[in-house]
């Protein structure tokens, strides 16, 4: 469901909700994807896969990764570890 706040001519506010319009983006598990993957894919773009809070890995403030890129991030970090 998409909800849109609007300001009425009399200065009051209202919220209009509709199941029409843009579709709700979902995580691979089926939950609503409240976050987007911030993995850089080149040319100033990011993966933007929708991810739920349960499957998102927060790697920095306001930076989250989907499971696929979380795994890649872990592999890259492991290569930098010196015994």
PDB file of N, CA and C in Angstrom:
ATOM      1  N   UNK A   1       0.840  -1.165   0.000  1.00  0.00           N
ATOM      2  CA  UNK A   1       0.000   0.000   0.000  1.00  0.00           C
ATOM      3  C   UNK A   1       0.889   1.234   0.000  1.00  0.00           C
ATOM      4  N   UNK A   2       0.533   2.210  -0.789  1.00  0.00           N
ATOM      5  CA  UNK A   2       1.275   3.457  -0.882  1.00  0.00           C
ATOM      6  C   UNK A   2       0.455   4.552  -0.210  1.00  0.00           C
ATOM      7  N   UNK A   3       1.060   5.271   0.730  1.00  0.00           N
ATOM      8  CA  UNK A   3       0.387   6.375   1.408  1.00  0.00           C
ATOM      9  C   UNK A   3       1.097   7.673   1.070  1.00  0.00           C
ATOM     10  N   UNK A   4       0.306   8.680   0.710  1.00  0.00           N
ATOM     11  CA  UNK A   4       0.862   9.965   0.307  1.00  0.00           C
ATOM     12  C   UNK A   4       0.248  11.082   1.144  1.00  0.00           C
ATOM     13  N   UNK A   5       1.083  11.860   1.869  1.00  0.00           N
ATOM     14  CA  UNK A   5       0.539  12.999   2.605  1.00  0.00           C
ATOM     15  C   UNK A   5       0.269  14.153   1.635  1.00  0.00           C
ATOM     16  N   UNK A   6      -0.846  14.847   1.844  1.00  0.00           N
ATOM     17  CA  UNK A   6      -1.164  16.007   1.005  1.00  0.00           C
ATOM     18  C   UNK A   6      -1.620  17.153   1.894  1.00  0.00           C
ATOM     19  N   UNK A   7      -1.423  18.358   1.410  1.00  0.00           N
ATOM     20  CA  UNK A   7      -1.886  19.550   2.119  1.00  0.00           C
ATOM     21  C   UNK A   7      -3.138  20.046   1.403  1.00  0.00           C
ATOM     22  N   UNK A   8      -4.203  20.219   2.158  1.00  0.00           N
ATOM     23  CA  UNK A   8      -5.472  20.687   1.605  1.00  0.00           C
ATOM     24  C   UNK A   8      -5.481  22.204   1.502  1.00  0.00           C
ATOM     25  N   UNK A   9      -6.319  22.769   0.625  1.00  0.00           N
ATOM     26  CA  UNK A   9      -6.380  24.221   0.452  1.00  0.00           C
ATOM     27  C   UNK A   9      -6.671  24.985   1.749  1.00  0.00           C
ATOM     28  N   UNK A  10      -7.388  24.383   2.683  1.00  0.00           N
ATOM     29  CA  UNK A  10      -7.719  25.069   3.939  1.00  0.00           C
ATOM     30  C   UNK A  10      -6.587  24.993   4.969  1.00  0.00           C
ATOM     31  N   UNK A  11      -5.419  24.467   4.581  1.00  0.00           N
ATOM     32  CA  UNK A  11      -4.269  24.384   5.475  1.00  0.00           C
ATOM     33  C   UNK A  11      -4.179  23.084   6.254  1.00  0.00           C
ATOM     34  N   UNK A  12      -5.220  22.291   6.207  1.00  0.00           N
ATOM     35  CA  UNK A  12      -5.209  21.012   6.909  1.00  0.00           C
ATOM     36  C   UNK A  12      -4.392  20.002   6.091  1.00  0.00           C
ATOM     37  N   UNK A  13      -4.053  18.898   6.725  1.00  0.00           N
ATOM     38  CA  UNK A  13      -3.297  17.846   6.066  1.00  0.00           C
ATOM     39  C   UNK A  13      -4.120  16.562   6.052  1.00  0.00           C
ATOM     40  N   UNK A  14      -3.882  15.735   5.059  1.00  0.00           N
ATOM     41  CA  UNK A  14      -4.548  14.437   4.950  1.00  0.00           C
ATOM     42  C   UNK A  14      -3.552  13.432   4.387  1.00  0.00           C
ATOM     43  N   UNK A  15      -3.843  12.173   4.600  1.00  0.00           N
ATOM     44  CA  UNK A  15      -3.019  11.102   4.044  1.00  0.00           C
ATOM     45  C   UNK A  15      -3.930  10.222   3.200  1.00  0.00           C
ATOM     46  N   UNK A  16      -3.529  10.017   1.955  1.00  0.00           N
ATOM     47  CA  UNK A  16      -4.302   9.178   1.048  1.00  0.00           C
ATOM     48  C   UNK A  16      -3.502   7.905   0.798  1.00  0.00           C
ATOM     49  N   UNK A  17      -4.138   6.774   1.072  1.00  0.00           N
ATOM     50  CA  UNK A  17      -3.486   5.479   0.885  1.00  0.00           C
ATOM     51  C   UNK A  17      -4.184   4.710  -0.225  1.00  0.00           C
ATOM     52  N   UNK A  18      -3.384   4.024  -1.027  1.00  0.00           N
ATOM     53  CA  UNK A  18      -3.935   3.272  -2.144  1.00  0.00           C
ATOM     54  C   UNK A  18      -3.065   2.065  -2.411  1.00  0.00           C
ATOM     55  N   UNK A  19      -3.683   0.994  -2.848  1.00  0.00           N
ATOM     56  CA  UNK A  19      -2.907  -0.180  -3.233  1.00  0.00           C
ATOM     57  C   UNK A  19      -2.451  -0.062  -4.679  1.00  0.00           C
ATOM     58  N   UNK A  20      -2.916   0.970  -5.343  1.00  0.00           N
ATOM     59  CA  UNK A  20      -2.491   1.214  -6.721  1.00  0.00           C
ATOM     60  C   UNK A  20      -1.230   2.057  -6.731  1.00  0.00           C
ATOM     61  N   UNK A  21      -0.644   2.208  -7.889  1.00  0.00           N
ATOM     62  CA  UNK A  21       0.571   3.000  -7.986  1.00  0.00           C
ATOM     63  C   UNK A  21       1.783   2.102  -7.941  1.00  0.00           C
ATOM     64  N   UNK A  22       2.849   2.605  -7.369  1.00  0.00           N
ATOM     65  CA  UNK A  22       4.079   1.822  -7.348  1.00  0.00           C
ATOM     66  C   UNK A  22       3.942   0.613  -6.441  1.00  0.00           C
ATOM     67  N   UNK A  23       4.604  -0.435  -6.823  1.00  0.00           N
ATOM     68  CA  UNK A  23       4.534  -1.683  -6.069  1.00  0.00           C
ATOM     69  C   UNK A  23       5.483  -1.617  -4.876  1.00  0.00           C
ATOM     70  N   UNK A  24       5.112  -2.332  -3.833  1.00  0.00           N
ATOM     71  CA  UNK A  24       5.963  -2.434  -2.659  1.00  0.00           C
ATOM     72  C   UNK A  24       7.132  -3.338  -3.004  1.00  0.00           C
ATOM     73  N   UNK A  25       8.326  -2.864  -2.742  1.00  0.00           N
ATOM     74  CA  UNK A  25       9.512  -3.672  -3.018  1.00  0.00           C
ATOM     75  C   UNK A  25       9.726  -4.631  -1.859  1.00  0.00           C
ATOM     76  N   UNK A  26      10.052  -5.873  -2.195  1.00  0.00           N
ATOM     77  CA  UNK A  26      10.189  -6.908  -1.180  1.00  0.00           C
ATOM     78  C   UNK A  26      11.576  -7.541  -1.210  1.00  0.00           C
ATOM     79  N   UNK A  27      12.008  -7.931  -0.042  1.00  0.00           N
ATOM     80  CA  UNK A  27      13.249  -8.680   0.141  1.00  0.00           C
ATOM     81  C   UNK A  27      13.049 -10.066  -0.472  1.00  0.00           C
ATOM     82  N   UNK A  28      14.112 -10.790  -0.731  1.00  0.00           N
ATOM     83  CA  UNK A  28      14.003 -12.145  -1.277  1.00  0.00           C
ATOM     84  C   UNK A  28      13.196 -13.074  -0.372  1.00  0.00           C
ATOM     85  N   UNK A  29      13.124 -12.760   0.925  1.00  0.00           N
ATOM     86  CA  UNK A  29      12.373 -13.600   1.861  1.00  0.00           C
ATOM     87  C   UNK A  29      10.874 -13.322   1.805  1.00  0.00           C
ATOM     88  N   UNK A  30      10.466 -12.243   1.127  1.00  0.00           N
ATOM     89  CA  UNK A  30       9.054 -11.910   1.007  1.00  0.00           C
ATOM     90  C   UNK A  30       8.618 -10.750   1.880  1.00  0.00           C
ATOM     91  N   UNK A  31       9.451 -10.375   2.852  1.00  0.00           N
ATOM     92  CA  UNK A  31       9.116  -9.233   3.700  1.00  0.00           C
ATOM     93  C   UNK A  31       9.289  -7.936   2.915  1.00  0.00           C
ATOM     94  N   UNK A  32       8.654  -6.868   3.407  1.00  0.00           N
ATOM     95  CA  UNK A  32       8.802  -5.559   2.776  1.00  0.00           C
ATOM     96  C   UNK A  32      10.261  -5.131   2.900  1.00  0.00           C
ATOM     97  N   UNK A  33      10.844  -4.694   1.796  1.00  0.00           N
ATOM     98  CA  UNK A  33      12.228  -4.220   1.782  1.00  0.00           C
ATOM     99  C   UNK A  33      12.281  -2.765   2.195  1.00  0.00           C
ATOM    100  N   UNK A  34      12.521  -2.518   3.470  1.00  0.00           N
ATOM    101  CA  UNK A  34      12.562  -1.149   3.986  1.00  0.00           C
ATOM    102  C   UNK A  34      13.904  -0.481   3.725  1.00  0.00           C
ATOM    103  N   UNK A  35      14.884  -1.260   3.292  1.00  0.00           N
ATOM    104  CA  UNK A  35      16.228  -0.742   3.010  1.00  0.00           C
ATOM    105  C   UNK A  35      16.635  -1.140   1.600  1.00  0.00           C
ATOM    106  N   UNK A  36      17.628  -0.442   1.063  1.00  0.00           N
ATOM    107  CA  UNK A  36      18.180  -0.772  -0.248  1.00  0.00           C
ATOM    108  C   UNK A  36      19.663  -1.046  -0.092  1.00  0.00           C
ATOM    109  N   UNK A  37      20.172  -1.996  -0.864  1.00  0.00           N
ATOM    110  CA  UNK A  37      21.592  -2.341  -0.814  1.00  0.00           C
ATOM    111  C   UNK A  37      22.429  -1.184  -1.339  1.00  0.00           C
ATOM    112  N   UNK A  38      23.462  -0.817  -0.582  1.00  0.00           N
ATOM    113  CA  UNK A  38      24.321   0.317  -0.926  1.00  0.00           C
ATOM    114  C   UNK A  38      25.638  -0.088  -1.596  1.00  0.00           C
ATOM    115  N   UNK A  39      25.725  -1.327  -2.068  1.00  0.00           N
ATOM    116  CA  UNK A  39      26.949  -1.807  -2.733  1.00  0.00           C
ATOM    117  C   UNK A  39      27.126  -1.052  -4.043  1.00  0.00           C
ATOM    118  N   UNK A  40      28.313  -0.501  -4.247  1.00  0.00           N
ATOM    119  CA  UNK A  40      28.580   0.248  -5.474  1.00  0.00           C
ATOM    120  C   UNK A  40      28.747  -0.702  -6.653  1.00  0.00           C
ATOM    121  N   UNK A  41      28.023  -0.413  -7.737  1.00  0.00           N
ATOM    122  CA  UNK A  41      28.108  -1.250  -8.935  1.00  0.00           C
ATOM    123  C   UNK A  41      28.707  -0.484 -10.111  1.00  0.00           C
ATOM    124  N   UNK A  42      29.191   0.713  -9.870  1.00  0.00           N
ATOM    125  CA  UNK A  42      29.865   1.486 -10.899  1.00  0.00           C
ATOM    126  C   UNK A  42      29.087   2.693 -11.359  1.00  0.00           C
ATOM    127  N   UNK A  43      29.803   3.653 -11.918  1.00  0.00           N
ATOM    128  CA  UNK A  43      29.235   4.884 -12.484  1.00  0.00           C
ATOM    129  C   UNK A  43      28.301   5.589 -11.507  1.00  0.00           C
ATOM    130  N   UNK A  44      28.667   5.621 -10.224  1.00  0.00           N
ATOM    131  CA  UNK A  44      27.860   6.311  -9.227  1.00  0.00           C
ATOM    132  C   UNK A  44      26.556   5.623  -8.885  1.00  0.00           C
ATOM    133  N   UNK A  45      26.425   4.353  -9.254  1.00  0.00           N
ATOM    134  CA  UNK A  45      25.190   3.618  -8.986  1.00  0.00           C
ATOM    135  C   UNK A  45      25.424   2.571  -7.902  1.00  0.00           C
ATOM    136  N   UNK A  46      24.328   2.208  -7.239  1.00  0.00           N
ATOM    137  CA  UNK A  46      24.399   1.161  -6.227  1.00  0.00           C
ATOM    138  C   UNK A  46      23.448   0.026  -6.591  1.00  0.00           C
ATOM    139  N   UNK A  47      23.626  -1.112  -5.950  1.00  0.00           N
ATOM    140  CA  UNK A  47      22.823  -2.302  -6.228  1.00  0.00           C
ATOM    141  C   UNK A  47      21.326  -2.019  -6.073  1.00  0.00           C
ATOM    142  N   UNK A  48      20.935  -1.371  -4.994  1.00  0.00           N
ATOM    143  CA  UNK A  48      19.548  -0.990  -4.704  1.00  0.00           C
ATOM    144  C   UNK A  48      18.580  -2.161  -4.587  1.00  0.00           C
ATOM    145  N   UNK A  49      19.071  -3.356  -4.318  1.00  0.00           N
ATOM    146  CA  UNK A  49      18.165  -4.484  -4.074  1.00  0.00           C
ATOM    147  C   UNK A  49      17.403  -4.207  -2.785  1.00  0.00           C
ATOM    148  N   UNK A  50      16.083  -4.398  -2.781  1.00  0.00           N
ATOM    149  CA  UNK A  50      15.326  -4.185  -1.542  1.00  0.00           C
ATOM    150  C   UNK A  50      15.650  -5.277  -0.532  1.00  0.00           C
ATOM    151  N   UNK A  51      15.895  -4.876   0.721  1.00  0.00           N
ATOM    152  CA  UNK A  51      16.217  -5.834   1.773  1.00  0.00           C
ATOM    153  C   UNK A  51      15.461  -5.472   3.055  1.00  0.00           C
ATOM    154  N   UNK A  52      15.002  -6.497   3.751  1.00  0.00           N
ATOM    155  CA  UNK A  52      14.338  -6.276   5.036  1.00  0.00           C
ATOM    156  C   UNK A  52      15.424  -6.077   6.100  1.00  0.00           C
ATOM    157  N   UNK A  53      15.020  -5.562   7.255  1.00  0.00           N
ATOM    158  CA  UNK A  53      15.989  -5.307   8.320  1.00  0.00           C
ATOM    159  C   UNK A  53      16.665  -6.579   8.803  1.00  0.00           C
ATOM    160  N   UNK A  54      15.962  -7.720   8.732  1.00  0.00           N
ATOM    161  CA  UNK A  54      16.528  -8.988   9.198  1.00  0.00           C
ATOM    162  C   UNK A  54      17.668  -9.465   8.297  1.00  0.00           C
ATOM    163  N   UNK A  55      17.585  -9.226   6.993  1.00  0.00           N
ATOM    164  CA  UNK A  55      18.598  -9.731   6.064  1.00  0.00           C
ATOM    165  C   UNK A  55      19.627  -8.682   5.648  1.00  0.00           C
ATOM    166  N   UNK A  56      19.470  -7.450   6.102  1.00  0.00           N
ATOM    167  CA  UNK A  56      20.432  -6.396   5.779  1.00  0.00           C
ATOM    168  C   UNK A  56      21.597  -6.455   6.759  1.00  0.00           C
ATOM    169  N   UNK A  57      22.798  -6.286   6.245  1.00  0.00           N
ATOM    170  CA  UNK A  57      23.968  -6.156   7.120  1.00  0.00           C
ATOM    171  C   UNK A  57      24.377  -4.691   7.102  1.00  0.00           C
ATOM    172  N   UNK A  58      24.376  -4.067   8.270  1.00  0.00           N
ATOM    173  CA  UNK A  58      24.802  -2.672   8.352  1.00  0.00           C
ATOM    174  C   UNK A  58      26.316  -2.659   8.492  1.00  0.00           C
ATOM    175  N   UNK A  59      27.011  -2.046   7.517  1.00  0.00           N
ATOM    176  CA  UNK A  59      28.471  -2.034   7.514  1.00  0.00           C
ATOM    177  C   UNK A  59      29.040  -0.673   7.884  1.00  0.00           C
ATOM    178  N   UNK A  60      28.202   0.333   7.917  1.00  0.00           N
ATOM    179  CA  UNK A  60      28.582   1.688   8.326  1.00  0.00           C
ATOM    180  C   UNK A  60      27.282   2.431   8.611  1.00  0.00           C
ATOM    181  N   UNK A  61      27.417   3.640   9.112  1.00  0.00           N
ATOM    182  CA  UNK A  61      26.217   4.424   9.380  1.00  0.00           C
ATOM    183  C   UNK A  61      25.462   4.656   8.071  1.00  0.00           C
ATOM    184  N   UNK A  62      24.210   4.249   8.045  1.00  0.00           N
ATOM    185  CA  UNK A  62      23.326   4.389   6.886  1.00  0.00           C
ATOM    186  C   UNK A  62      23.856   3.666   5.637  1.00  0.00           C
ATOM    187  N   UNK A  63      24.602   2.584   5.832  1.00  0.00           N
ATOM    188  CA  UNK A  63      25.100   1.747   4.727  1.00  0.00           C
ATOM    189  C   UNK A  63      24.733   0.304   5.023  1.00  0.00           C
ATOM    190  N   UNK A  64      23.941  -0.282   4.117  1.00  0.00           N
ATOM    191  CA  UNK A  64      23.461  -1.653   4.297  1.00  0.00           C
ATOM    192  C   UNK A  64      23.763  -2.472   3.051  1.00  0.00           C
ATOM    193  N   UNK A  65      23.977  -3.781   3.264  1.00  0.00           N
ATOM    194  CA  UNK A  65      24.263  -4.678   2.146  1.00  0.00           C
ATOM    195  C   UNK A  65      23.261  -5.819   2.112  1.00  0.00           C
ATOM    196  N   UNK A  66      22.911  -6.235   0.894  1.00  0.00           N
ATOM    197  CA  UNK A  66      22.056  -7.404   0.706  1.00  0.00           C
ATOM    198  C   UNK A  66      22.908  -8.647   0.995  1.00  0.00           C
ATOM    199  N   UNK A  67      22.287  -9.803   1.188  1.00  0.00           N
ATOM    200  CA  UNK A  67      23.058 -11.018   1.496  1.00  0.00           C
ATOM    201  C   UNK A  67      24.154 -11.331   0.468  1.00  0.00           C
ATOM    202  N   UNK A  68      23.869 -11.132  -0.810  1.00  0.00           N
ATOM    203  CA  UNK A  68      24.871 -11.418  -1.848  1.00  0.00           C
ATOM    204  C   UNK A  68      26.104 -10.531  -1.672  1.00  0.00           C
ATOM    205  N   UNK A  69      25.897  -9.246  -1.490  1.00  0.00           N
ATOM    206  CA  UNK A  69      27.028  -8.335  -1.372  1.00  0.00           C
ATOM    207  C   UNK A  69      27.645  -8.367   0.023  1.00  0.00           C
ATOM    208  N   UNK A  70      26.888  -8.783   1.010  1.00  0.00           N
ATOM    209  CA  UNK A  70      27.435  -8.983   2.351  1.00  0.00           C
ATOM    210  C   UNK A  70      28.486 -10.094   2.316  1.00  0.00           C
ATOM    211  N   UNK A  71      28.185 -11.155   1.575  1.00  0.00           N
ATOM    212  CA  UNK A  71      29.133 -12.272   1.426  1.00  0.00           C
ATOM    213  C   UNK A  71      30.396 -11.799   0.703  1.00  0.00           C
ATOM    214  N   UNK A  72      30.223 -11.027  -0.363  1.00  0.00           N
ATOM    215  CA  UNK A  72      31.381 -10.513  -1.103  1.00  0.00           C
ATOM    216  C   UNK A  72      32.223  -9.588  -0.230  1.00  0.00           C
ATOM    217  N   UNK A  73      31.565  -8.766   0.584  1.00  0.00           N
ATOM    218  CA  UNK A  73      32.253  -7.859   1.502  1.00  0.00           C
ATOM    219  C   UNK A  73      33.095  -8.661   2.505  1.00  0.00           C
ATOM    220  N   UNK A  74      32.512  -9.751   3.039  1.00  0.00           N
ATOM    221  CA  UNK A  74      33.232 -10.593   3.997  1.00  0.00           C
ATOM    222  C   UNK A  74      34.442 -11.252   3.341  1.00  0.00           C
ATOM    223  N   UNK A  75      34.303 -11.693   2.096  1.00  0.00           N
ATOM    224  CA  UNK A  75      35.423 -12.314   1.378  1.00  0.00           C
ATOM    225  C   UNK A  75      36.547 -11.310   1.157  1.00  0.00           C
ATOM    226  N   UNK A  76      36.193 -10.088   0.804  1.00  0.00           N
ATOM    227  CA  UNK A  76      37.224  -9.061   0.588  1.00  0.00           C
ATOM    228  C   UNK A  76      37.927  -8.700   1.894  1.00  0.00           C
ATOM    229  N   UNK A  77      37.176  -8.629   2.981  1.00  0.00           N
ATOM    230  CA  UNK A  77      37.784  -8.321   4.278  1.00  0.00           C
ATOM    231  C   UNK A  77      38.722  -9.443   4.702  1.00  0.00           C
ATOM    232  N   UNK A  78      38.351 -10.702   4.425  1.00  0.00           N
ATOM    233  CA  UNK A  78      39.179 -11.843   4.810  1.00  0.00           C
ATOM    234  C   UNK A  78      40.524 -11.828   4.089  1.00  0.00           C
ATOM    235  N   UNK A  79      40.556 -11.349   2.877  1.00  0.00           N
ATOM    236  CA  UNK A  79      41.801 -11.288   2.105  1.00  0.00           C
ATOM    237  C   UNK A  79      42.768 -10.268   2.684  1.00  0.00           C
ATOM    238  N   UNK A  80      42.248  -9.288   3.380  1.00  0.00           N
ATOM    239  CA  UNK A  80      43.103  -8.225   3.948  1.00  0.00           C
ATOM    240  C   UNK A  80      43.633  -8.561   5.323  1.00  0.00           C
ATOM    241  N   UNK A  81      43.155  -9.659   5.922  1.00  0.00           N
ATOM    242  CA  UNK A  81      43.587 -10.011   7.277  1.00  0.00           C
ATOM    243  C   UNK A  81      44.972 -10.641   7.209  1.00  0.00           C
ATOM    244  N   UNK A  82      45.878 -10.102   8.021  1.00  0.00           N
ATOM    245  CA  UNK A  82      47.260 -10.624   8.075  1.00  0.00           C
ATOM    246  C   UNK A  82      47.401 -11.423   9.357  1.00  0.00           C
ATOM    247  N   UNK A  83      47.820 -12.699   9.275  1.00  0.00           N
ATOM    248  CA  UNK A  83      47.956 -13.528  10.501  1.00  0.00           C
ATOM    249  C   UNK A  83      49.033 -13.037  11.437  1.00  0.00           C
TER     250      UNK A  83
END
